[in-house]
Amino acid sequence: MGEEGAVTLLDEPSEGMQAENIDRMRDLILDRKSSGKSVVLVEQHLRLAERVADEYIIMDQGRAVLQGGAFEIDRARIRAHIVV
């Protein structure tokens, strides 16, 4: 079975990774996207998500609180929903 129409789902792939490995992960995601494949990324590492996302859905306690294209949502609005 081929990859046609396949979607890659990544759930927190940067968890516990060193910075250089996060950069490699970013490159792999971007390569996949550039080949026309869809990637769904669940990620708390904001810098990684910002570098690869075309669209965001920010969740808070299981609810979507912010949604839109990468250029529609400013960083301050995203950060307002991040709890550390």
N, C-alpha and C. Protein backbone atom coordinates (compact mmCIF):
# COMPACT_ATOMS: atom_id res chain seq x y z
N MET A 1 0.84 -1.17 0.00
CA MET A 1 0.00 0.00 0.00
C MET A 1 0.89 1.23 0.00
N GLY A 2 0.64 2.19 -0.89
CA GLY A 2 1.45 3.38 -1.02
C GLY A 2 1.07 4.47 -0.02
N GLU A 3 1.73 5.60 -0.15
CA GLU A 3 1.51 6.72 0.76
C GLU A 3 0.51 7.73 0.23
N GLU A 4 -0.07 7.49 -0.92
CA GLU A 4 -0.99 8.45 -1.51
C GLU A 4 -2.13 8.75 -0.54
N GLY A 5 -2.34 10.02 -0.23
CA GLY A 5 -3.39 10.42 0.69
C GLY A 5 -3.04 10.19 2.15
N ALA A 6 -1.84 9.71 2.43
CA ALA A 6 -1.45 9.42 3.81
C ALA A 6 -1.25 10.71 4.60
N VAL A 7 -1.61 10.65 5.86
CA VAL A 7 -1.41 11.76 6.79
C VAL A 7 -0.46 11.27 7.87
N THR A 8 0.55 12.06 8.18
CA THR A 8 1.45 11.74 9.27
C THR A 8 0.98 12.47 10.52
N LEU A 9 0.77 11.74 11.60
CA LEU A 9 0.36 12.32 12.86
C LEU A 9 1.52 12.23 13.83
N LEU A 10 1.96 13.37 14.32
CA LEU A 10 3.07 13.43 15.27
C LEU A 10 2.56 14.02 16.59
N ASP A 11 2.68 13.26 17.66
CA ASP A 11 2.22 13.69 18.97
C ASP A 11 3.43 13.97 19.86
N GLU A 12 3.70 15.24 20.06
CA GLU A 12 4.82 15.70 20.90
C GLU A 12 6.16 15.08 20.49
N PRO A 13 6.54 15.16 19.22
CA PRO A 13 7.79 14.52 18.81
C PRO A 13 9.04 15.15 19.42
N SER A 14 8.96 16.39 19.89
CA SER A 14 10.15 17.03 20.44
C SER A 14 10.35 16.74 21.93
N GLU A 15 9.43 16.04 22.54
CA GLU A 15 9.51 15.74 23.97
C GLU A 15 10.85 15.08 24.32
N GLY A 16 11.61 15.73 25.16
CA GLY A 16 12.89 15.20 25.62
C GLY A 16 14.04 15.29 24.62
N MET A 17 13.84 15.94 23.49
CA MET A 17 14.89 16.04 22.46
C MET A 17 15.83 17.20 22.74
N GLN A 18 17.07 17.02 22.35
CA GLN A 18 18.04 18.11 22.37
C GLN A 18 17.77 19.03 21.20
N ALA A 19 18.25 20.27 21.32
CA ALA A 19 17.97 21.31 20.32
C ALA A 19 18.33 20.89 18.90
N GLU A 20 19.48 20.27 18.70
CA GLU A 20 19.87 19.90 17.33
C GLU A 20 18.95 18.83 16.76
N ASN A 21 18.41 17.97 17.61
CA ASN A 21 17.48 16.95 17.13
C ASN A 21 16.12 17.56 16.82
N ILE A 22 15.74 18.59 17.55
CA ILE A 22 14.49 19.31 17.22
C ILE A 22 14.63 19.96 15.85
N ASP A 23 15.81 20.51 15.56
CA ASP A 23 16.05 21.09 14.23
C ASP A 23 15.94 20.02 13.14
N ARG A 24 16.45 18.84 13.40
CA ARG A 24 16.34 17.74 12.43
C ARG A 24 14.88 17.34 12.24
N MET A 25 14.13 17.29 13.35
CA MET A 25 12.71 16.97 13.27
C MET A 25 11.98 18.00 12.42
N ARG A 26 12.30 19.28 12.64
CA ARG A 26 11.71 20.35 11.84
C ARG A 26 11.98 20.13 10.36
N ASP A 27 13.22 19.82 10.01
CA ASP A 27 13.58 19.59 8.61
C ASP A 27 12.82 18.40 8.02
N LEU A 28 12.66 17.34 8.80
CA LEU A 28 11.91 16.17 8.31
C LEU A 28 10.44 16.53 8.06
N ILE A 29 9.86 17.31 8.96
CA ILE A 29 8.47 17.72 8.78
C ILE A 29 8.34 18.60 7.53
N LEU A 30 9.26 19.56 7.38
CA LEU A 30 9.21 20.45 6.22
C LEU A 30 9.42 19.69 4.91
N ASP A 31 10.30 18.69 4.92
CA ASP A 31 10.51 17.85 3.73
C ASP A 31 9.23 17.10 3.38
N ARG A 32 8.58 16.57 4.38
CA ARG A 32 7.33 15.83 4.16
C ARG A 32 6.27 16.75 3.56
N LYS A 33 6.15 17.95 4.14
CA LYS A 33 5.18 18.92 3.62
C LYS A 33 5.50 19.33 2.19
N SER A 34 6.78 19.56 1.90
CA SER A 34 7.16 20.02 0.56
C SER A 34 6.92 18.95 -0.49
N SER A 35 6.82 17.69 -0.07
CA SER A 35 6.52 16.63 -1.03
C SER A 35 5.01 16.43 -1.18
N GLY A 36 4.23 17.33 -0.58
CA GLY A 36 2.78 17.29 -0.76
C GLY A 36 2.04 16.44 0.25
N LYS A 37 2.72 15.96 1.26
CA LYS A 37 2.09 15.12 2.28
C LYS A 37 1.54 15.99 3.41
N SER A 38 0.48 15.54 4.03
CA SER A 38 -0.12 16.25 5.15
C SER A 38 0.51 15.79 6.46
N VAL A 39 0.72 16.74 7.37
CA VAL A 39 1.27 16.44 8.68
C VAL A 39 0.38 17.11 9.72
N VAL A 40 -0.06 16.33 10.70
CA VAL A 40 -0.77 16.87 11.85
C VAL A 40 0.20 16.79 13.01
N LEU A 41 0.49 17.94 13.60
CA LEU A 41 1.48 18.02 14.67
C LEU A 41 0.81 18.48 15.95
N VAL A 42 0.90 17.66 16.98
CA VAL A 42 0.46 18.04 18.32
C VAL A 42 1.75 18.37 19.07
N GLU A 43 1.90 19.63 19.48
CA GLU A 43 3.21 20.05 19.98
C GLU A 43 3.09 21.20 20.97
N GLN A 44 3.87 21.12 22.05
CA GLN A 44 3.93 22.21 23.01
C GLN A 44 5.17 23.09 22.79
N HIS A 45 6.10 22.61 22.01
CA HIS A 45 7.31 23.37 21.70
C HIS A 45 6.93 24.43 20.66
N LEU A 46 6.61 25.62 21.14
CA LEU A 46 6.05 26.66 20.29
C LEU A 46 6.96 27.02 19.12
N ARG A 47 8.24 27.11 19.35
CA ARG A 47 9.16 27.49 18.27
C ARG A 47 9.12 26.48 17.12
N LEU A 48 9.07 25.20 17.43
CA LEU A 48 8.97 24.17 16.39
C LEU A 48 7.65 24.33 15.63
N ALA A 49 6.56 24.45 16.37
CA ALA A 49 5.25 24.58 15.74
C ALA A 49 5.19 25.81 14.83
N GLU A 50 5.74 26.92 15.29
CA GLU A 50 5.73 28.15 14.49
C GLU A 50 6.49 27.98 13.18
N ARG A 51 7.53 27.20 13.20
CA ARG A 51 8.37 27.04 12.01
C ARG A 51 7.77 26.13 10.96
N VAL A 52 6.85 25.26 11.36
CA VAL A 52 6.33 24.29 10.40
C VAL A 52 4.84 24.42 10.11
N ALA A 53 4.09 25.12 10.96
CA ALA A 53 2.63 25.12 10.83
C ALA A 53 2.12 26.09 9.77
N ASP A 54 1.13 25.64 9.03
CA ASP A 54 0.37 26.50 8.13
C ASP A 54 -0.87 27.01 8.85
N GLU A 55 -1.40 26.17 9.74
CA GLU A 55 -2.60 26.51 10.50
C GLU A 55 -2.41 26.06 11.94
N TYR A 56 -3.04 26.79 12.85
CA TYR A 56 -2.97 26.46 14.26
C TYR A 56 -4.36 26.20 14.81
N ILE A 57 -4.42 25.29 15.77
CA ILE A 57 -5.57 25.16 16.65
C ILE A 57 -4.97 25.09 18.05
N ILE A 58 -5.22 26.09 18.85
CA ILE A 58 -4.72 26.15 20.22
C ILE A 58 -5.82 25.60 21.12
N MET A 59 -5.45 24.58 21.91
CA MET A 59 -6.41 23.93 22.80
C MET A 59 -6.15 24.36 24.24
N ASP A 60 -7.23 24.49 25.00
CA ASP A 60 -7.14 24.76 26.43
C ASP A 60 -8.18 23.89 27.11
N GLN A 61 -7.70 22.94 27.90
CA GLN A 61 -8.56 22.00 28.62
C GLN A 61 -9.54 21.30 27.67
N GLY A 62 -9.01 20.86 26.54
CA GLY A 62 -9.80 20.09 25.60
C GLY A 62 -10.68 20.88 24.65
N ARG A 63 -10.63 22.20 24.73
CA ARG A 63 -11.45 23.04 23.85
C ARG A 63 -10.55 23.86 22.93
N ALA A 64 -10.96 24.02 21.69
CA ALA A 64 -10.24 24.89 20.77
C ALA A 64 -10.55 26.34 21.16
N VAL A 65 -9.51 27.11 21.52
CA VAL A 65 -9.71 28.49 21.94
C VAL A 65 -9.17 29.49 20.94
N LEU A 66 -8.38 29.02 20.00
CA LEU A 66 -7.80 29.91 19.00
C LEU A 66 -7.51 29.06 17.77
N GLN A 67 -7.89 29.57 16.62
CA GLN A 67 -7.72 28.80 15.40
C GLN A 67 -7.49 29.76 14.24
N GLY A 68 -6.61 29.38 13.32
CA GLY A 68 -6.40 30.19 12.14
C GLY A 68 -5.10 29.87 11.45
N GLY A 69 -4.87 30.60 10.37
CA GLY A 69 -3.64 30.43 9.62
C GLY A 69 -2.45 31.00 10.36
N ALA A 70 -1.29 30.55 9.98
CA ALA A 70 -0.06 30.98 10.64
C ALA A 70 0.12 32.49 10.60
N PHE A 71 -0.37 33.14 9.55
CA PHE A 71 -0.21 34.59 9.43
C PHE A 71 -1.39 35.36 10.01
N GLU A 72 -2.44 34.64 10.43
CA GLU A 72 -3.62 35.29 10.98
C GLU A 72 -3.55 35.46 12.49
N ILE A 73 -2.75 34.63 13.14
CA ILE A 73 -2.70 34.64 14.60
C ILE A 73 -1.35 35.17 15.03
N ASP A 74 -1.36 36.26 15.79
CA ASP A 74 -0.08 36.79 16.23
C ASP A 74 0.41 36.02 17.45
N ARG A 75 1.70 36.08 17.65
CA ARG A 75 2.36 35.31 18.69
C ARG A 75 1.83 35.63 20.09
N ALA A 76 1.49 36.88 20.34
CA ALA A 76 0.99 37.28 21.66
C ALA A 76 -0.32 36.56 21.98
N ARG A 77 -1.18 36.41 20.99
CA ARG A 77 -2.45 35.70 21.22
C ARG A 77 -2.21 34.22 21.49
N ILE A 78 -1.22 33.63 20.82
CA ILE A 78 -0.90 32.24 21.08
C ILE A 78 -0.34 32.10 22.48
N ARG A 79 0.62 32.94 22.82
CA ARG A 79 1.26 32.87 24.14
C ARG A 79 0.28 33.11 25.29
N ALA A 80 -0.78 33.85 25.03
CA ALA A 80 -1.77 34.11 26.07
C ALA A 80 -2.43 32.83 26.56
N HIS A 81 -2.39 31.78 25.74
CA HIS A 81 -3.03 30.52 26.09
C HIS A 81 -2.04 29.48 26.59
N ILE A 82 -0.77 29.84 26.71
CA ILE A 82 0.25 28.89 27.14
C ILE A 82 0.44 29.03 28.64
N VAL A 83 0.34 27.91 29.33
CA VAL A 83 0.56 27.88 30.77
C VAL A 83 1.81 27.05 31.02
N VAL A 84 2.74 27.63 31.75
CA VAL A 84 3.98 26.92 32.03
C VAL A 84 4.01 26.53 33.49
